C-alpha atoms as a PDB file:
ATOM      1  CA  MET A   1      27.392  -2.746  31.783  1.00  0.00           C
ATOM      2  CA  SER A   2      23.937  -2.545  32.815  1.00  0.00           C
ATOM      3  CA  LYS A   3      23.817   1.200  31.877  1.00  0.00           C
ATOM      4  CA  THR A   4      24.690   0.157  28.274  1.00  0.00           C
ATOM      5  CA  VAL A   5      21.899  -2.412  28.013  1.00  0.00           C
ATOM      6  CA  ASN A   6      19.456   0.400  29.606  1.00  0.00           C
ATOM      7  CA  GLY A   7      20.740   2.847  27.301  1.00  0.00           C
ATOM      8  CA  GLN A   8      20.458   0.553  24.330  1.00  0.00           C
ATOM      9  CA  ASN A   9      16.864  -0.516  25.567  1.00  0.00           C
ATOM     10  CA  ALA A  10      15.887   3.335  25.777  1.00  0.00           C
ATOM     11  CA  LEU A  11      17.358   4.039  22.527  1.00  0.00           C
ATOM     12  CA  GLN A  12      15.331   1.077  20.823  1.00  0.00           C
ATOM     13  CA  LYS A  13      12.228   2.134  22.613  1.00  0.00           C
ATOM     14  CA  SER A  14      12.458   5.804  21.468  1.00  0.00           C
ATOM     15  CA  LYS A  15      13.249   4.274  17.642  1.00  0.00           C
ATOM     16  CA  ARG A  16      10.080   2.313  18.034  1.00  0.00           C
ATOM     17  CA  ASP A  17       8.065   5.126  19.548  1.00  0.00           C
ATOM     18  CA  GLU A  18       9.363   7.428  16.275  1.00  0.00           C
ATOM     19  CA  PHE A  19       8.621   4.254  14.075  1.00  0.00           C
ATOM     20  CA  LEU A  20       4.920   4.168  15.434  1.00  0.00           C
ATOM     21  CA  ALA A  21       4.298   7.756  15.430  1.00  0.00           C
ATOM     22  CA  PRO A  22       2.048   9.698  12.687  1.00  0.00           C
ATOM     23  CA  VAL A  23       3.975  10.554   9.457  1.00  0.00           C
ATOM     24  CA  GLY A  24       2.591  14.175  10.008  1.00  0.00           C
ATOM     25  CA  ASP A  25       3.076  16.019   6.445  1.00  0.00           C
ATOM     26  CA  ALA A  26       3.389  14.882   2.884  1.00  0.00           C
ATOM     27  CA  LYS A  27       7.259  15.804   2.735  1.00  0.00           C
ATOM     28  CA  SER A  28       7.777  13.336   5.525  1.00  0.00           C
ATOM     29  CA  LEU A  29       5.956  10.601   3.661  1.00  0.00           C
ATOM     30  CA  GLY A  30       7.948  11.325   0.504  1.00  0.00           C
ATOM     31  CA  GLU A  31      11.077  10.942   2.538  1.00  0.00           C
ATOM     32  CA  MET A  32      10.168   7.711   4.120  1.00  0.00           C
ATOM     33  CA  VAL A  33       9.435   6.202   0.608  1.00  0.00           C
ATOM     34  CA  THR A  34      13.199   7.416  -0.388  1.00  0.00           C
ATOM     35  CA  LEU A  35      14.470   5.763   2.573  1.00  0.00           C
ATOM     36  CA  ALA A  36      12.784   2.434   2.037  1.00  0.00           C
ATOM     37  CA  GLU A  37      13.098   2.318  -1.804  1.00  0.00           C
ATOM     38  CA  GLY A  38      16.066   0.001  -1.584  1.00  0.00           C
ATOM     39  CA  GLN A  39      13.867  -2.566   0.303  1.00  0.00           C
ATOM     40  CA  LEU A  40      11.017  -1.843  -2.011  1.00  0.00           C
ATOM     41  CA  ALA A  41      12.828  -2.606  -4.950  1.00  0.00           C
ATOM     42  CA  ALA A  42      14.230  -5.642  -3.543  1.00  0.00           C
ATOM     43  CA  ALA A  43      10.810  -6.924  -2.404  1.00  0.00           C
ATOM     44  CA  ALA A  44       9.608  -6.229  -6.109  1.00  0.00           C
ATOM     45  CA  GLY A  45      13.017  -8.232  -7.302  1.00  0.00           C
ATOM     46  CA  ARG A  46      14.429  -5.335  -9.203  1.00  0.00           C
ATOM     47  CA  LYS A  47      17.139  -2.817  -8.884  1.00  0.00           C
ATOM     48  CA  PRO A  48      16.920   0.466  -7.343  1.00  0.00           C
ATOM     49  CA  ASP A  49      15.966   3.162  -9.908  1.00  0.00           C
ATOM     50  CA  ALA A  50      16.101   7.040  -9.313  1.00  0.00           C
ATOM     51  CA  ASP A  51      13.295   7.420 -12.018  1.00  0.00           C
ATOM     52  CA  ARG A  52      11.035   4.729 -10.032  1.00  0.00           C
ATOM     53  CA  THR A  53      11.986   6.234  -6.719  1.00  0.00           C
ATOM     54  CA  ALA A  54      10.655   9.821  -8.173  1.00  0.00           C
ATOM     55  CA  ARG A  55       7.627   8.170  -9.289  1.00  0.00           C
ATOM     56  CA  THR A  56       6.791   6.564  -6.297  1.00  0.00           C
ATOM     57  CA  MET A  57       7.423   9.839  -4.150  1.00  0.00           C
ATOM     58  CA  ILE A  58       4.902  11.507  -6.617  1.00  0.00           C
ATOM     59  CA  LEU A  59       2.353   8.728  -6.308  1.00  0.00           C
ATOM     60  CA  THR A  60       2.620   8.860  -2.795  1.00  0.00           C
ATOM     61  CA  ARG A  61       2.062  12.642  -2.566  1.00  0.00           C
ATOM     62  CA  MET A  62      -0.823  12.174  -4.906  1.00  0.00           C
ATOM     63  CA  ALA A  63      -2.320   9.607  -2.442  1.00  0.00           C
ATOM     64  CA  ALA A  64      -1.834  11.825   0.715  1.00  0.00           C
ATOM     65  CA  GLN A  65      -3.497  14.694  -1.068  1.00  0.00           C
ATOM     66  CA  ARG A  66      -6.479  12.346  -2.201  1.00  0.00           C
ATOM     67  CA  ASN A  67      -6.803  11.079   1.340  1.00  0.00           C
ATOM     68  CA  PRO A  68      -4.961  13.136   4.056  1.00  0.00           C
ATOM     69  CA  ASP A  69      -6.049  10.631   6.842  1.00  0.00           C
ATOM     70  CA  LEU A  70      -2.658   8.934   5.269  1.00  0.00           C
ATOM     71  CA  LEU A  71      -0.820  11.601   7.160  1.00  0.00           C
ATOM     72  CA  THR A  72      -2.029  10.590  10.171  1.00  0.00           C
ATOM     73  CA  CYS A  73      -1.084   6.583   9.901  1.00  0.00           C
ATOM     74  CA  THR A  74       1.763   5.324  11.554  1.00  0.00           C
ATOM     75  CA  ARG A  75       4.897   5.181   9.705  1.00  0.00           C
ATOM     76  CA  GLU A  76       5.176   1.448  10.492  1.00  0.00           C
ATOM     77  CA  SER A  77       2.091   0.655   8.851  1.00  0.00           C
ATOM     78  CA  LEU A  78       2.690   2.799   5.914  1.00  0.00           C
ATOM     79  CA  TYR A  79       5.998   0.842   5.479  1.00  0.00           C
ATOM     80  CA  TRP A  80       4.472  -2.326   5.486  1.00  0.00           C
ATOM     81  CA  ALA A  81       1.924  -1.226   3.084  1.00  0.00           C
ATOM     82  CA  PHE A  82       4.592  -0.056   0.794  1.00  0.00           C
ATOM     83  CA  LEU A  83       6.125  -3.437   1.166  1.00  0.00           C
ATOM     84  CA  ASP A  84       2.885  -5.200   0.443  1.00  0.00           C
ATOM     85  CA  ALA A  85       2.558  -3.318  -2.846  1.00  0.00           C
ATOM     86  CA  ALA A  86       6.026  -4.098  -3.902  1.00  0.00           C
ATOM     87  CA  ARG A  87       5.738  -7.769  -3.397  1.00  0.00           C
ATOM     88  CA  CYS A  88       2.521  -7.378  -5.544  1.00  0.00           C
ATOM     89  CA  GLY A  89       4.455  -5.460  -8.065  1.00  0.00           C
ATOM     90  CA  LEU A  90       1.630  -2.750  -7.952  1.00  0.00           C
ATOM     91  CA  GLU A  91       1.660   0.752  -7.491  1.00  0.00           C
ATOM     92  CA  TRP A  92      -0.834   2.588  -5.378  1.00  0.00           C
ATOM     93  CA  ASP A  93      -1.864   4.939  -8.090  1.00  0.00           C
ATOM     94  CA  GLY A  94      -5.640   4.444  -7.452  1.00  0.00           C
ATOM     95  CA  GLU A  95      -6.249   2.151 -10.491  1.00  0.00           C
ATOM     96  CA  HIS A  96      -3.934  -0.611  -9.814  1.00  0.00           C
ATOM     97  CA  GLY A  97      -3.728  -0.298  -6.057  1.00  0.00           C
ATOM     98  CA  ALA A  98      -4.607   2.205  -3.087  1.00  0.00           C
ATOM     99  CA  LEU A  99      -3.271   3.057   0.430  1.00  0.00           C
ATOM    100  CA  VAL A 100      -6.272   3.046   2.674  1.00  0.00           C
ATOM    101  CA  PRO A 101      -6.164   4.231   6.197  1.00  0.00           C
ATOM    102  CA  TYR A 102      -8.006   2.114   8.855  1.00  0.00           C
ATOM    103  CA  ASN A 103      -8.692   2.919  12.484  1.00  0.00           C
ATOM    104  CA  VAL A 104      -7.177   0.244  14.775  1.00  0.00           C
ATOM    105  CA  LYS A 105      -7.662  -0.336  18.325  1.00  0.00           C
ATOM    106  CA  VAL A 106      -4.161  -0.300  20.209  1.00  0.00           C
ATOM    107  CA  LYS A 107      -4.067  -3.733  21.971  1.00  0.00           C
ATOM    108  CA  GLY A 108      -4.428  -3.420  26.003  1.00  0.00           C
ATOM    109  CA  THR A 109      -5.993   0.133  25.624  1.00  0.00           C
ATOM    110  CA  ASP A 110      -9.162   1.940  24.865  1.00  0.00           C
ATOM    111  CA  ARG A 111      -7.115   3.961  22.344  1.00  0.00           C
ATOM    112  CA  TYR A 112      -7.214   3.753  18.558  1.00  0.00           C
ATOM    113  CA  GLN A 113      -4.757   4.668  16.011  1.00  0.00           C
ATOM    114  CA  LYS A 114      -4.511   5.131  12.257  1.00  0.00           C
ATOM    115  CA  GLU A 115      -2.903   2.277  10.270  1.00  0.00           C
ATOM    116  CA  ALA A 116      -2.466   2.206   6.364  1.00  0.00           C
ATOM    117  CA  LYS A 117      -2.786  -0.862   4.354  1.00  0.00           C
ATOM    118  CA  PHE A 118      -1.947  -1.508   0.775  1.00  0.00           C
ATOM    119  CA  LEU A 119      -5.250  -3.008  -1.366  1.00  0.00           C
ATOM    120  CA  PRO A 120      -4.911  -4.131  -4.797  1.00  0.00           C
ATOM    121  CA  MET A 121      -7.750  -2.768  -6.812  1.00  0.00           C
ATOM    122  CA  VAL A 122      -9.604  -4.813  -9.806  1.00  0.00           C
ATOM    123  CA  LYS A 123      -7.361  -3.221 -12.331  1.00  0.00           C
ATOM    124  CA  GLY A 124      -4.141  -4.182 -10.528  1.00  0.00           C
ATOM    125  CA  LEU A 125      -5.503  -7.850 -10.168  1.00  0.00           C
ATOM    126  CA  ILE A 126      -6.436  -8.177 -13.689  1.00  0.00           C
ATOM    127  CA  HIS A 127      -2.695  -6.989 -14.663  1.00  0.00           C
ATOM    128  CA  LEU A 128      -1.157  -9.598 -12.278  1.00  0.00           C
ATOM    129  CA  LEU A 129      -3.324 -12.241 -13.878  1.00  0.00           C
ATOM    130  CA  ALA A 130      -2.425 -11.166 -17.116  1.00  0.00           C
ATOM    131  CA  VAL A 131       1.139 -10.718 -16.397  1.00  0.00           C
ATOM    132  CA  SER A 132       1.421 -14.284 -14.816  1.00  0.00           C
ATOM    133  CA  GLY A 133       0.318 -15.867 -18.115  1.00  0.00           C
ATOM    134  CA  VAL A 134      -2.291 -17.946 -16.177  1.00  0.00           C
ATOM    135  CA  CYS A 135      -5.357 -16.112 -18.096  1.00  0.00           C
ATOM    136  CA  HIS A 136      -5.887 -15.804 -21.314  1.00  0.00           C
ATOM    137  CA  ASP A 137      -8.666 -13.375 -21.029  1.00  0.00           C
ATOM    138  CA  VAL A 138     -10.180 -11.526 -17.811  1.00  0.00           C
ATOM    139  CA  ARG A 139     -12.923  -9.157 -18.088  1.00  0.00           C
ATOM    140  CA  ALA A 140     -14.819  -7.048 -15.028  1.00  0.00           C
ATOM    141  CA  ARG A 141     -18.221  -5.690 -15.077  1.00  0.00           C
ATOM    142  CA  ALA A 142     -20.176  -4.094 -12.446  1.00  0.00           C
ATOM    143  CA  VAL A 143     -23.242  -5.963 -11.407  1.00  0.00           C
ATOM    144  CA  PHE A 144     -25.424  -4.753  -8.343  1.00  0.00           C
ATOM    145  CA  ARG A 145     -27.767  -6.521  -6.298  1.00  0.00           C
ATOM    146  CA  GLY A 146     -31.230  -6.906  -8.066  1.00  0.00           C
ATOM    147  CA  ASP A 147     -29.906  -6.147 -11.450  1.00  0.00           C
ATOM    148  CA  LEU A 148     -30.943  -8.464 -14.015  1.00  0.00           C
ATOM    149  CA  TYR A 149     -28.051  -9.812 -16.467  1.00  0.00           C
ATOM    150  CA  ARG A 150     -26.933 -12.815 -18.542  1.00  0.00           C
ATOM    151  CA  VAL A 151     -23.484 -14.027 -19.456  1.00  0.00           C
ATOM    152  CA  ILE A 152     -22.747 -15.223 -23.115  1.00  0.00           C
ATOM    153  CA  GLU A 153     -19.723 -16.931 -23.548  1.00  0.00           C
ATOM    154  CA  GLY A 154     -18.427 -18.309 -26.626  1.00  0.00           C
ATOM    155  CA  THR A 155     -16.544 -16.693 -29.726  1.00  0.00           C
ATOM    156  CA  ASN A 156     -18.405 -13.351 -28.995  1.00  0.00           C
ATOM    157  CA  PRO A 157     -18.486 -13.055 -25.204  1.00  0.00           C
ATOM    158  CA  ARG A 158     -20.782 -10.434 -23.698  1.00  0.00           C
ATOM    159  CA  VAL A 159     -22.846  -9.603 -20.547  1.00  0.00           C
ATOM    160  CA  ILE A 160     -26.142  -8.255 -21.393  1.00  0.00           C
ATOM    161  CA  HIS A 161     -27.070  -5.913 -18.451  1.00  0.00           C
END
């Protein structure tokens, strides 16, 4: 009986090690998205859809082309980044959100590994506000330290900058 338990532990450790391994190439990253599509759809509150899956795979490959460091991120971190995006209802298209790799220190070691996180972008946050119905109007303007500007509210709101 203990052999089975040890065998299961070894199998679980093997699966965990595979899950923590870097993705490696864009094809593997796309396959990972396909495998997770059911869970992503459930997190987003929708039914799985072949067209949506294809779009998500294309977005994922484009994200990897723009930032090849994504291919060195752990599968686990990418999976959680995908789920975070699905929960927000945003895509990682570079406008509404982005997959961003970070160097993260592995606990108990001096080693670092790449982990991906989903970050919503300004356009995505504005989209979420608009869809929620909480806000009637949202505008974003870039103002930098040292810039002189004046915000004018009223029937003709604007920023003089």
